[in-house]
PDB file of all heavy atoms in Angstrom:
ATOM      1  N   GLY A   1      15.938   2.651   5.764  1.00  0.00           N
ATOM      2  CA  GLY A   1      16.858   3.753   6.034  1.00  0.00           C
ATOM      3  C   GLY A   1      18.305   3.327   5.862  1.00  0.00           C
ATOM      4  O   GLY A   1      19.120   4.046   5.280  1.00  0.00           O
ATOM      5  N   TYR A   2      18.611   2.134   6.357  1.00  0.00           N
ATOM      6  CA  TYR A   2      19.967   1.602   6.236  1.00  0.00           C
ATOM      7  C   TYR A   2      20.322   1.350   4.773  1.00  0.00           C
ATOM      8  O   TYR A   2      21.398   1.735   4.306  1.00  0.00           O
ATOM      9  CB  TYR A   2      20.076   0.304   7.043  1.00  0.00           C
ATOM     10  CG  TYR A   2      21.447  -0.337   6.998  1.00  0.00           C
ATOM     11  CD1 TYR A   2      22.471   0.098   7.846  1.00  0.00           C
ATOM     12  CD2 TYR A   2      21.720  -1.383   6.119  1.00  0.00           C
ATOM     13  CE1 TYR A   2      23.728  -0.491   7.802  1.00  0.00           C
ATOM     14  CE2 TYR A   2      22.970  -1.980   6.078  1.00  0.00           C
ATOM     15  CZ  TYR A   2      23.975  -1.532   6.920  1.00  0.00           C
ATOM     16  OH  TYR A   2      25.219  -2.104   6.870  1.00  0.00           O
ATOM     17  N   ASP A   3      19.422   0.709   4.041  1.00  0.00           N
ATOM     18  CA  ASP A   3      19.663   0.431   2.622  1.00  0.00           C
ATOM     19  C   ASP A   3      19.908   1.713   1.828  1.00  0.00           C
ATOM     20  O   ASP A   3      20.690   1.732   0.877  1.00  0.00           O
ATOM     21  CB  ASP A   3      18.459  -0.290   2.001  1.00  0.00           C
ATOM     22  CG  ASP A   3      18.318  -1.729   2.476  1.00  0.00           C
ATOM     23  OD1 ASP A   3      19.290  -2.267   3.050  1.00  0.00           O
ATOM     24  OD2 ASP A   3      17.240  -2.317   2.272  1.00  0.00           O
ATOM     25  N   SER A   4      19.223   2.789   2.236  1.00  0.00           N
ATOM     26  CA  SER A   4      19.287   4.057   1.497  1.00  0.00           C
ATOM     27  C   SER A   4      20.393   4.991   1.986  1.00  0.00           C
ATOM     28  O   SER A   4      20.533   6.094   1.463  1.00  0.00           O
ATOM     29  CB  SER A   4      17.939   4.790   1.618  1.00  0.00           C
ATOM     30  OG  SER A   4      16.884   3.972   1.194  1.00  0.00           O
ATOM     31  N   LYS A   5      21.165   4.555   2.995  1.00  0.00           N
ATOM     32  CA  LYS A   5      22.193   5.409   3.610  1.00  0.00           C
ATOM     33  C   LYS A   5      21.595   6.767   3.980  1.00  0.00           C
ATOM     34  O   LYS A   5      22.121   7.822   3.650  1.00  0.00           O
ATOM     35  CB  LYS A   5      23.391   5.581   2.669  1.00  0.00           C
ATOM     36  CG  LYS A   5      24.117   4.273   2.389  1.00  0.00           C
ATOM     37  CD  LYS A   5      25.361   4.482   1.530  1.00  0.00           C
ATOM     38  CE  LYS A   5      26.090   3.167   1.301  1.00  0.00           C
ATOM     39  NZ  LYS A   5      27.295   3.319   0.467  1.00  0.00           N
ATOM     40  N   VAL A   6      20.470   6.684   4.679  1.00  0.00           N
ATOM     41  CA  VAL A   6      19.683   7.879   4.980  1.00  0.00           C
ATOM     42  C   VAL A   6      20.468   8.923   5.771  1.00  0.00           C
ATOM     43  O   VAL A   6      20.208  10.121   5.677  1.00  0.00           O
ATOM     44  CB  VAL A   6      18.390   7.463   5.730  1.00  0.00           C
ATOM     45  CG1 VAL A   6      18.702   6.885   7.089  1.00  0.00           C
ATOM     46  CG2 VAL A   6      17.418   8.623   5.834  1.00  0.00           C
ATOM     47  N   TRP A   7      21.459   8.485   6.547  1.00  0.00           N
ATOM     48  CA  TRP A   7      22.256   9.402   7.372  1.00  0.00           C
ATOM     49  C   TRP A   7      23.047  10.414   6.538  1.00  0.00           C
ATOM     50  O   TRP A   7      23.494  11.420   7.063  1.00  0.00           O
ATOM     51  CB  TRP A   7      23.209   8.606   8.271  1.00  0.00           C
ATOM     52  CG  TRP A   7      24.053   7.630   7.494  1.00  0.00           C
ATOM     53  CD1 TRP A   7      25.232   7.879   6.857  1.00  0.00           C
ATOM     54  CD2 TRP A   7      23.752   6.249   7.257  1.00  0.00           C
ATOM     55  NE1 TRP A   7      25.695   6.745   6.230  1.00  0.00           N
ATOM     56  CE2 TRP A   7      24.805   5.723   6.466  1.00  0.00           C
ATOM     57  CE3 TRP A   7      22.709   5.397   7.644  1.00  0.00           C
ATOM     58  CZ2 TRP A   7      24.840   4.396   6.046  1.00  0.00           C
ATOM     59  CZ3 TRP A   7      22.746   4.074   7.242  1.00  0.00           C
ATOM     60  CH2 TRP A   7      23.795   3.586   6.450  1.00  0.00           C
ATOM     61  N   GLU A   8      23.200  10.140   5.264  1.00  0.00           N
ATOM     62  CA  GLU A   8      23.913  11.071   4.400  1.00  0.00           C
ATOM     63  C   GLU A   8      23.052  12.286   4.042  1.00  0.00           C
ATOM     64  O   GLU A   8      23.568  13.297   3.561  1.00  0.00           O
ATOM     65  CB  GLU A   8      24.367  10.371   3.110  1.00  0.00           C
ATOM     66  CG  GLU A   8      25.409   9.285   3.347  1.00  0.00           C
ATOM     67  CD  GLU A   8      25.843   8.595   2.066  1.00  0.00           C
ATOM     68  OE1 GLU A   8      25.252   8.902   0.996  1.00  0.00           O
ATOM     69  OE2 GLU A   8      26.755   7.750   2.111  1.00  0.00           O
ATOM     70  N   SER A   9      21.732  12.170   4.281  1.00  0.00           N
ATOM     71  CA  SER A   9      20.819  13.255   3.897  1.00  0.00           C
ATOM     72  C   SER A   9      19.938  13.758   5.041  1.00  0.00           C
ATOM     73  O   SER A   9      19.645  14.950   5.122  1.00  0.00           O
ATOM     74  CB  SER A   9      19.907  12.786   2.753  1.00  0.00           C
ATOM     75  OG  SER A   9      20.657  12.322   1.661  1.00  0.00           O
ATOM     76  N   LEU A  10      19.515  12.860   5.929  1.00  0.00           N
ATOM     77  CA  LEU A  10      18.596  13.234   6.999  1.00  0.00           C
ATOM     78  C   LEU A  10      19.256  13.060   8.362  1.00  0.00           C
ATOM     79  O   LEU A  10      20.334  12.477   8.475  1.00  0.00           O
ATOM     80  CB  LEU A  10      17.310  12.409   6.905  1.00  0.00           C
ATOM     81  CG  LEU A  10      16.592  12.428   5.544  1.00  0.00           C
ATOM     82  CD1 LEU A  10      15.276  11.670   5.615  1.00  0.00           C
ATOM     83  CD2 LEU A  10      16.364  13.851   5.052  1.00  0.00           C
ATOM     84  N   THR A  11      18.601  13.565   9.392  1.00  0.00           N
ATOM     85  CA  THR A  11      19.238  13.622  10.711  1.00  0.00           C
ATOM     86  C   THR A  11      18.469  12.923  11.828  1.00  0.00           C
ATOM     87  O   THR A  11      19.069  12.534  12.833  1.00  0.00           O
ATOM     88  CB  THR A  11      19.426  15.095  11.124  1.00  0.00           C
ATOM     89  OG1 THR A  11      18.144  15.761  11.050  1.00  0.00           O
ATOM     90  CG2 THR A  11      20.427  15.789  10.201  1.00  0.00           C
ATOM     91  N   HIS A  12      17.150  12.766  11.680  1.00  0.00           N
ATOM     92  CA  HIS A  12      16.326  12.261  12.774  1.00  0.00           C
ATOM     93  C   HIS A  12      15.490  11.050  12.339  1.00  0.00           C
ATOM     94  O   HIS A  12      15.005  10.996  11.201  1.00  0.00           O
ATOM     95  CB  HIS A  12      15.355  13.340  13.277  1.00  0.00           C
ATOM     96  CG  HIS A  12      16.024  14.481  13.975  1.00  0.00           C
ATOM     97  ND1 HIS A  12      16.836  15.397  13.333  1.00  0.00           N
ATOM     98  CD2 HIS A  12      16.003  14.857  15.285  1.00  0.00           C
ATOM     99  CE1 HIS A  12      17.277  16.300  14.207  1.00  0.00           C
ATOM    100  NE2 HIS A  12      16.779  15.987  15.400  1.00  0.00           N
ATOM    101  N   PHE A  13      15.331  10.107  13.297  1.00  0.00           N
ATOM    102  CA  PHE A  13      14.389   9.002  13.104  1.00  0.00           C
ATOM    103  C   PHE A  13      13.528   8.899  14.350  1.00  0.00           C
ATOM    104  O   PHE A  13      14.034   8.766  15.469  1.00  0.00           O
ATOM    105  CB  PHE A  13      15.116   7.671  12.885  1.00  0.00           C
ATOM    106  CG  PHE A  13      14.172   6.490  12.764  1.00  0.00           C
ATOM    107  CD1 PHE A  13      13.506   6.237  11.574  1.00  0.00           C
ATOM    108  CD2 PHE A  13      13.950   5.639  13.844  1.00  0.00           C
ATOM    109  CE1 PHE A  13      12.627   5.161  11.458  1.00  0.00           C
ATOM    110  CE2 PHE A  13      13.079   4.547  13.741  1.00  0.00           C
ATOM    111  CZ  PHE A  13      12.418   4.323  12.544  1.00  0.00           C
ATOM    112  N   TYR A  14      12.205   8.973  14.152  1.00  0.00           N
ATOM    113  CA  TYR A  14      11.255   8.866  15.254  1.00  0.00           C
ATOM    114  C   TYR A  14      10.564   7.499  15.182  1.00  0.00           C
ATOM    115  O   TYR A  14       9.901   7.176  14.191  1.00  0.00           O
ATOM    116  CB  TYR A  14      10.233  10.003  15.184  1.00  0.00           C
ATOM    117  CG  TYR A  14      10.876  11.349  15.453  1.00  0.00           C
ATOM    118  CD1 TYR A  14      11.378  12.120  14.398  1.00  0.00           C
ATOM    119  CD2 TYR A  14      11.019  11.818  16.751  1.00  0.00           C
ATOM    120  CE1 TYR A  14      12.002  13.338  14.641  1.00  0.00           C
ATOM    121  CE2 TYR A  14      11.644  13.040  16.998  1.00  0.00           C
ATOM    122  CZ  TYR A  14      12.131  13.786  15.942  1.00  0.00           C
ATOM    123  OH  TYR A  14      12.757  14.991  16.193  1.00  0.00           O
ATOM    124  N   ASP A  15      10.731   6.701  16.229  1.00  0.00           N
ATOM    125  CA  ASP A  15      10.243   5.329  16.250  1.00  0.00           C
ATOM    126  C   ASP A  15       8.743   5.304  16.569  1.00  0.00           C
ATOM    127  O   ASP A  15       8.316   4.889  17.651  1.00  0.00           O
ATOM    128  CB  ASP A  15      11.034   4.524  17.283  1.00  0.00           C
ATOM    129  CG  ASP A  15      10.855   3.027  17.110  1.00  0.00           C
ATOM    130  OD1 ASP A  15      10.289   2.623  16.080  1.00  0.00           O
ATOM    131  OD2 ASP A  15      11.290   2.272  17.999  1.00  0.00           O
ATOM    132  N   VAL A  16       7.953   5.715  15.610  1.00  0.00           N
ATOM    133  CA  VAL A  16       6.509   5.861  15.784  1.00  0.00           C
ATOM    134  C   VAL A  16       5.808   4.500  15.889  1.00  0.00           C
ATOM    135  O   VAL A  16       4.800   4.358  16.574  1.00  0.00           O
ATOM    136  CB  VAL A  16       5.922   6.667  14.596  1.00  0.00           C
ATOM    137  CG1 VAL A  16       4.404   6.765  14.704  1.00  0.00           C
ATOM    138  CG2 VAL A  16       6.531   8.065  14.544  1.00  0.00           C
ATOM    139  N   GLN A  17       6.351   3.487  15.190  1.00  0.00           N
ATOM    140  CA  GLN A  17       5.754   2.149  15.155  1.00  0.00           C
ATOM    141  C   GLN A  17       4.292   2.201  14.699  1.00  0.00           C
ATOM    142  O   GLN A  17       3.387   1.693  15.356  1.00  0.00           O
ATOM    143  CB  GLN A  17       5.891   1.457  16.514  1.00  0.00           C
ATOM    144  CG  GLN A  17       7.339   1.272  16.925  1.00  0.00           C
ATOM    145  CD  GLN A  17       7.522   0.414  18.147  1.00  0.00           C
ATOM    146  OE1 GLN A  17       6.594  -0.270  18.589  1.00  0.00           O
ATOM    147  NE2 GLN A  17       8.715   0.423  18.712  1.00  0.00           N
ATOM    148  N   ALA A  18       4.094   2.827  13.549  1.00  0.00           N
ATOM    149  CA  ALA A  18       2.737   3.040  13.036  1.00  0.00           C
ATOM    150  C   ALA A  18       2.099   1.765  12.501  1.00  0.00           C
ATOM    151  O   ALA A  18       0.901   1.541  12.670  1.00  0.00           O
ATOM    152  CB  ALA A  18       2.760   4.098  11.933  1.00  0.00           C
ATOM    153  N   TRP A  19       2.900   0.935  11.837  1.00  0.00           N
ATOM    154  CA  TRP A  19       2.391  -0.329  11.308  1.00  0.00           C
ATOM    155  C   TRP A  19       3.566  -1.213  10.908  1.00  0.00           C
ATOM    156  O   TRP A  19       4.710  -0.770  10.920  1.00  0.00           O
ATOM    157  CB  TRP A  19       1.458  -0.103  10.115  1.00  0.00           C
ATOM    158  CG  TRP A  19       2.042   0.692   8.968  1.00  0.00           C
ATOM    159  CD1 TRP A  19       3.075   0.329   8.155  1.00  0.00           C
ATOM    160  CD2 TRP A  19       1.609   1.982   8.503  1.00  0.00           C
ATOM    161  NE1 TRP A  19       3.315   1.305   7.213  1.00  0.00           N
ATOM    162  CE2 TRP A  19       2.428   2.331   7.394  1.00  0.00           C
ATOM    163  CE3 TRP A  19       0.597   2.870   8.883  1.00  0.00           C
ATOM    164  CZ2 TRP A  19       2.287   3.519   6.686  1.00  0.00           C
ATOM    165  CZ3 TRP A  19       0.448   4.052   8.182  1.00  0.00           C
ATOM    166  CH2 TRP A  19       1.273   4.368   7.106  1.00  0.00           C
ATOM    167  N   ILE A  20       3.264  -2.456  10.578  1.00  0.00           N
ATOM    168  CA  ILE A  20       4.293  -3.400  10.121  1.00  0.00           C
ATOM    169  C   ILE A  20       3.840  -3.932   8.757  1.00  0.00           C
ATOM    170  O   ILE A  20       3.005  -4.848   8.692  1.00  0.00           O
ATOM    171  CB  ILE A  20       4.495  -4.552  11.121  1.00  0.00           C
ATOM    172  CG1 ILE A  20       5.020  -4.007  12.453  1.00  0.00           C
ATOM    173  CG2 ILE A  20       5.458  -5.593  10.550  1.00  0.00           C
ATOM    174  CD1 ILE A  20       5.232  -5.072  13.518  1.00  0.00           C
ATOM    175  N   PRO A  21       4.331  -3.371   7.680  1.00  0.00           N
ATOM    176  CA  PRO A  21       3.935  -3.848   6.350  1.00  0.00           C
ATOM    177  C   PRO A  21       4.591  -5.178   6.031  1.00  0.00           C
ATOM    178  O   PRO A  21       5.578  -5.562   6.656  1.00  0.00           O
ATOM    179  CB  PRO A  21       4.448  -2.745   5.419  1.00  0.00           C
ATOM    180  CG  PRO A  21       5.633  -2.191   6.138  1.00  0.00           C
ATOM    181  CD  PRO A  21       5.324  -2.293   7.604  1.00  0.00           C
ATOM    182  N   LYS A  22       4.026  -5.879   5.062  1.00  0.00           N
ATOM    183  CA  LYS A  22       4.574  -7.183   4.690  1.00  0.00           C
ATOM    184  C   LYS A  22       4.781  -7.276   3.176  1.00  0.00           C
ATOM    185  O   LYS A  22       4.026  -6.695   2.408  1.00  0.00           O
ATOM    186  CB  LYS A  22       3.646  -8.307   5.151  1.00  0.00           C
ATOM    187  CG  LYS A  22       3.603  -8.485   6.660  1.00  0.00           C
ATOM    188  CD  LYS A  22       2.783  -9.670   7.075  1.00  0.00           C
ATOM    189  CE  LYS A  22       1.301  -9.436   6.953  1.00  0.00           C
ATOM    190  NZ  LYS A  22       0.776  -8.455   7.899  1.00  0.00           N
ATOM    191  N   ASP A  23       5.803  -8.025   2.813  1.00  0.00           N
ATOM    192  CA  ASP A  23       6.051  -8.360   1.413  1.00  0.00           C
ATOM    193  C   ASP A  23       5.461  -9.737   1.127  1.00  0.00           C
ATOM    194  O   ASP A  23       5.575 -10.651   1.954  1.00  0.00           O
ATOM    195  CB  ASP A  23       7.549  -8.397   1.119  1.00  0.00           C
ATOM    196  CG  ASP A  23       8.108  -7.020   0.804  1.00  0.00           C
ATOM    197  OD1 ASP A  23       7.470  -6.021   1.179  1.00  0.00           O
ATOM    198  OD2 ASP A  23       9.188  -6.941   0.188  1.00  0.00           O
ATOM    199  N   ALA A  24       4.863  -9.870  -0.039  1.00  0.00           N
ATOM    200  CA  ALA A  24       4.312 -11.156  -0.468  1.00  0.00           C
ATOM    201  C   ALA A  24       5.168 -11.740  -1.579  1.00  0.00           C
ATOM    202  O   ALA A  24       5.584 -11.024  -2.488  1.00  0.00           O
ATOM    203  CB  ALA A  24       2.880 -10.979  -0.954  1.00  0.00           C
ATOM    204  N   THR A  25       5.431 -13.024  -1.501  1.00  0.00           N
ATOM    205  CA  THR A  25       6.087 -13.753  -2.591  1.00  0.00           C
ATOM    206  C   THR A  25       5.045 -14.682  -3.195  1.00  0.00           C
ATOM    207  O   THR A  25       4.364 -15.419  -2.480  1.00  0.00           O
ATOM    208  CB  THR A  25       7.291 -14.556  -2.072  1.00  0.00           C
ATOM    209  OG1 THR A  25       8.248 -13.648  -1.523  1.00  0.00           O
ATOM    210  CG2 THR A  25       7.955 -15.333  -3.207  1.00  0.00           C
ATOM    211  N   PHE A  26       4.906 -14.613  -4.510  1.00  0.00           N
ATOM    212  CA  PHE A  26       3.842 -15.372  -5.171  1.00  0.00           C
ATOM    213  C   PHE A  26       4.332 -15.934  -6.502  1.00  0.00           C
ATOM    214  O   PHE A  26       5.424 -15.605  -6.981  1.00  0.00           O
ATOM    215  CB  PHE A  26       2.609 -14.492  -5.387  1.00  0.00           C
ATOM    216  CG  PHE A  26       2.920 -13.061  -5.758  1.00  0.00           C
ATOM    217  CD1 PHE A  26       3.468 -12.757  -7.003  1.00  0.00           C
ATOM    218  CD2 PHE A  26       2.676 -12.022  -4.873  1.00  0.00           C
ATOM    219  CE1 PHE A  26       3.766 -11.447  -7.354  1.00  0.00           C
ATOM    220  CE2 PHE A  26       2.971 -10.709  -5.216  1.00  0.00           C
ATOM    221  CZ  PHE A  26       3.508 -10.426  -6.459  1.00  0.00           C
ATOM    222  N   VAL A  27       3.489 -16.791  -7.093  1.00  0.00           N
ATOM    223  CA  VAL A  27       3.851 -17.480  -8.326  1.00  0.00           C
ATOM    224  C   VAL A  27       2.673 -17.401  -9.295  1.00  0.00           C
ATOM    225  O   VAL A  27       1.508 -17.381  -8.881  1.00  0.00           O
ATOM    226  CB  VAL A  27       4.232 -18.954  -8.031  1.00  0.00           C
ATOM    227  CG1 VAL A  27       3.081 -19.704  -7.392  1.00  0.00           C
ATOM    228  CG2 VAL A  27       4.690 -19.677  -9.292  1.00  0.00           C
ATOM    229  N   ASN A  28       2.981 -17.330 -10.586  1.00  0.00           N
ATOM    230  CA  ASN A  28       1.946 -17.407 -11.615  1.00  0.00           C
ATOM    231  C   ASN A  28       1.259 -18.772 -11.485  1.00  0.00           C
ATOM    232  O   ASN A  28       1.916 -19.803 -11.529  1.00  0.00           O
ATOM    233  CB  ASN A  28       2.591 -17.248 -12.996  1.00  0.00           C
ATOM    234  CG  ASN A  28       1.585 -17.374 -14.116  1.00  0.00           C
ATOM    235  OD1 ASN A  28       1.160 -18.460 -14.456  1.00  0.00           O
ATOM    236  ND2 ASN A  28       1.220 -16.249 -14.712  1.00  0.00           N
ATOM    237  N   LYS A  29      -0.047 -18.761 -11.283  1.00  0.00           N
ATOM    238  CA  LYS A  29      -0.760 -20.004 -10.976  1.00  0.00           C
ATOM    239  C   LYS A  29      -0.683 -21.016 -12.118  1.00  0.00           C
ATOM    240  O   LYS A  29      -0.534 -22.220 -11.886  1.00  0.00           O
ATOM    241  CB  LYS A  29      -2.225 -19.697 -10.638  1.00  0.00           C
ATOM    242  CG  LYS A  29      -2.963 -20.883 -10.039  1.00  0.00           C
ATOM    243  CD  LYS A  29      -4.347 -20.501  -9.573  1.00  0.00           C
ATOM    244  CE  LYS A  29      -5.039 -21.681  -8.898  1.00  0.00           C
ATOM    245  NZ  LYS A  29      -5.091 -22.893  -9.742  1.00  0.00           N
ATOM    246  N   ALA A  30      -0.768 -20.550 -13.353  1.00  0.00           N
ATOM    247  CA  ALA A  30      -0.692 -21.463 -14.493  1.00  0.00           C
ATOM    248  C   ALA A  30       0.676 -22.128 -14.567  1.00  0.00           C
ATOM    249  O   ALA A  30       0.784 -23.332 -14.847  1.00  0.00           O
ATOM    250  CB  ALA A  30      -0.990 -20.713 -15.794  1.00  0.00           C
ATOM    251  N   ALA A  31       1.722 -21.350 -14.296  1.00  0.00           N
ATOM    252  CA  ALA A  31       3.082 -21.913 -14.308  1.00  0.00           C
ATOM    253  C   ALA A  31       3.243 -22.939 -13.194  1.00  0.00           C
ATOM    254  O   ALA A  31       3.849 -24.002 -13.389  1.00  0.00           O
ATOM    255  CB  ALA A  31       4.112 -20.800 -14.164  1.00  0.00           C
ATOM    256  N   PHE A  32       2.697 -22.635 -12.023  1.00  0.00           N
ATOM    257  CA  PHE A  32       2.779 -23.568 -10.890  1.00  0.00           C
ATOM    258  C   PHE A  32       2.003 -24.840 -11.193  1.00  0.00           C
ATOM    259  O   PHE A  32       2.483 -25.954 -10.952  1.00  0.00           O
ATOM    260  CB  PHE A  32       2.230 -22.904  -9.628  1.00  0.00           C
ATOM    261  CG  PHE A  32       2.286 -23.773  -8.401  1.00  0.00           C
ATOM    262  CD1 PHE A  32       3.453 -23.854  -7.646  1.00  0.00           C
ATOM    263  CD2 PHE A  32       1.174 -24.503  -7.998  1.00  0.00           C
ATOM    264  CE1 PHE A  32       3.512 -24.662  -6.520  1.00  0.00           C
ATOM    265  CE2 PHE A  32       1.223 -25.316  -6.870  1.00  0.00           C
ATOM    266  CZ  PHE A  32       2.406 -25.385  -6.130  1.00  0.00           C
ATOM    267  N   ASP A  33       0.790 -24.696 -11.743  1.00  0.00           N
ATOM    268  CA  ASP A  33      -0.059 -25.864 -12.026  1.00  0.00           C
ATOM    269  C   ASP A  33       0.547 -26.773 -13.091  1.00  0.00           C
ATOM    270  O   ASP A  33       0.240 -27.966 -13.133  1.00  0.00           O
ATOM    271  CB  ASP A  33      -1.451 -25.407 -12.471  1.00  0.00           C
ATOM    272  CG  ASP A  33      -2.253 -24.789 -11.332  1.00  0.00           C
ATOM    273  OD1 ASP A  33      -1.860 -24.968 -10.160  1.00  0.00           O
ATOM    274  OD2 ASP A  33      -3.258 -24.108 -11.617  1.00  0.00           O
ATOM    275  N   ALA A  34       1.404 -26.203 -13.933  1.00  0.00           N
ATOM    276  CA  ALA A  34       2.023 -26.991 -15.004  1.00  0.00           C
ATOM    277  C   ALA A  34       3.178 -27.864 -14.504  1.00  0.00           C
ATOM    278  O   ALA A  34       3.640 -28.752 -15.225  1.00  0.00           O
ATOM    279  CB  ALA A  34       2.524 -26.059 -16.108  1.00  0.00           C
ATOM    280  N   LEU A  35       3.619 -27.630 -13.285  1.00  0.00           N
ATOM    281  CA  LEU A  35       4.720 -28.415 -12.718  1.00  0.00           C
ATOM    282  C   LEU A  35       4.230 -29.770 -12.236  1.00  0.00           C
ATOM    283  O   LEU A  35       3.059 -29.935 -11.876  1.00  0.00           O
ATOM    284  CB  LEU A  35       5.338 -27.662 -11.536  1.00  0.00           C
ATOM    285  CG  LEU A  35       5.974 -26.300 -11.833  1.00  0.00           C
ATOM    286  CD1 LEU A  35       6.316 -25.605 -10.524  1.00  0.00           C
ATOM    287  CD2 LEU A  35       7.211 -26.459 -12.703  1.00  0.00           C
ATOM    288  N   ASP A  36       5.125 -30.745 -12.173  1.00  0.00           N
ATOM    289  CA  ASP A  36       4.756 -32.033 -11.588  1.00  0.00           C
ATOM    290  C   ASP A  36       4.611 -31.873 -10.076  1.00  0.00           C
ATOM    291  O   ASP A  36       5.111 -30.911  -9.478  1.00  0.00           O
ATOM    292  CB  ASP A  36       5.788 -33.106 -11.925  1.00  0.00           C
ATOM    293  CG  ASP A  36       7.176 -32.758 -11.408  1.00  0.00           C
ATOM    294  OD1 ASP A  36       7.392 -32.836 -10.194  1.00  0.00           O
ATOM    295  OD2 ASP A  36       8.039 -32.375 -12.223  1.00  0.00           O
ATOM    296  N   LYS A  37       3.916 -32.811  -9.454  1.00  0.00           N
ATOM    297  CA  LYS A  37       3.567 -32.663  -8.032  1.00  0.00           C
ATOM    298  C   LYS A  37       4.796 -32.592  -7.132  1.00  0.00           C
ATOM    299  O   LYS A  37       4.806 -31.840  -6.145  1.00  0.00           O
ATOM    300  CB  LYS A  37       2.672 -33.818  -7.582  1.00  0.00           C
ATOM    301  CG  LYS A  37       2.113 -33.588  -6.166  1.00  0.00           C
ATOM    302  CD  LYS A  37       1.121 -34.648  -5.785  1.00  0.00           C
ATOM    303  CE  LYS A  37       0.474 -34.305  -4.428  1.00  0.00           C
ATOM    304  NZ  LYS A  37       1.442 -34.093  -3.354  1.00  0.00           N
ATOM    305  N   SER A  38       5.835 -33.336  -7.445  1.00  0.00           N
ATOM    306  CA  SER A  38       7.021 -33.318  -6.582  1.00  0.00           C
ATOM    307  C   SER A  38       7.680 -31.932  -6.590  1.00  0.00           C
ATOM    308  O   SER A  38       8.167 -31.462  -5.554  1.00  0.00           O
ATOM    309  CB  SER A  38       8.030 -34.381  -7.025  1.00  0.00           C
ATOM    310  OG  SER A  38       8.527 -34.102  -8.325  1.00  0.00           O
ATOM    311  N   THR A  39       7.658 -31.267  -7.746  1.00  0.00           N
ATOM    312  CA  THR A  39       8.226 -29.917  -7.824  1.00  0.00           C
ATOM    313  C   THR A  39       7.341 -28.921  -7.096  1.00  0.00           C
ATOM    314  O   THR A  39       7.826 -28.032  -6.389  1.00  0.00           O
ATOM    315  CB  THR A  39       8.421 -29.492  -9.293  1.00  0.00           C
ATOM    316  OG1 THR A  39       9.232 -30.458  -9.960  1.00  0.00           O
ATOM    317  CG2 THR A  39       9.095 -28.129  -9.386  1.00  0.00           C
ATOM    318  N   GLN A  40       6.035 -29.058  -7.258  1.00  0.00           N
ATOM    319  CA  GLN A  40       5.100 -28.199  -6.519  1.00  0.00           C
ATOM    320  C   GLN A  40       5.313 -28.343  -5.015  1.00  0.00           C
ATOM    321  O   GLN A  40       5.370 -27.340  -4.283  1.00  0.00           O
ATOM    322  CB  GLN A  40       3.650 -28.558  -6.875  1.00  0.00           C
ATOM    323  CG  GLN A  40       3.230 -28.200  -8.275  1.00  0.00           C
ATOM    324  CD  GLN A  40       1.804 -28.626  -8.568  1.00  0.00           C
ATOM    325  OE1 GLN A  40       1.198 -29.411  -7.805  1.00  0.00           O
ATOM    326  NE2 GLN A  40       1.240 -28.130  -9.662  1.00  0.00           N
ATOM    327  N   ASP A  41       5.429 -29.582  -4.572  1.00  0.00           N
ATOM    328  CA  ASP A  41       5.627 -29.841  -3.139  1.00  0.00           C
ATOM    329  C   ASP A  41       6.943 -29.227  -2.643  1.00  0.00           C
ATOM    330  O   ASP A  41       7.012 -28.703  -1.528  1.00  0.00           O
ATOM    331  CB  ASP A  41       5.629 -31.341  -2.856  1.00  0.00           C
ATOM    332  CG  ASP A  41       4.250 -31.969  -3.007  1.00  0.00           C
ATOM    333  OD1 ASP A  41       3.255 -31.209  -3.035  1.00  0.00           O
ATOM    334  OD2 ASP A  41       4.170 -33.211  -3.111  1.00  0.00           O
TER     335      ASP A  41
END
């Protein structure tokens, strides 16, 4: 809501606390495997 400046368009926020989603950070496995061990570590 903050990132979107939601207050410029909407008026209410209800703190329902329905769930907590997560973002995953990942790497192409072939690219990772091609690195030397010190870089992988």
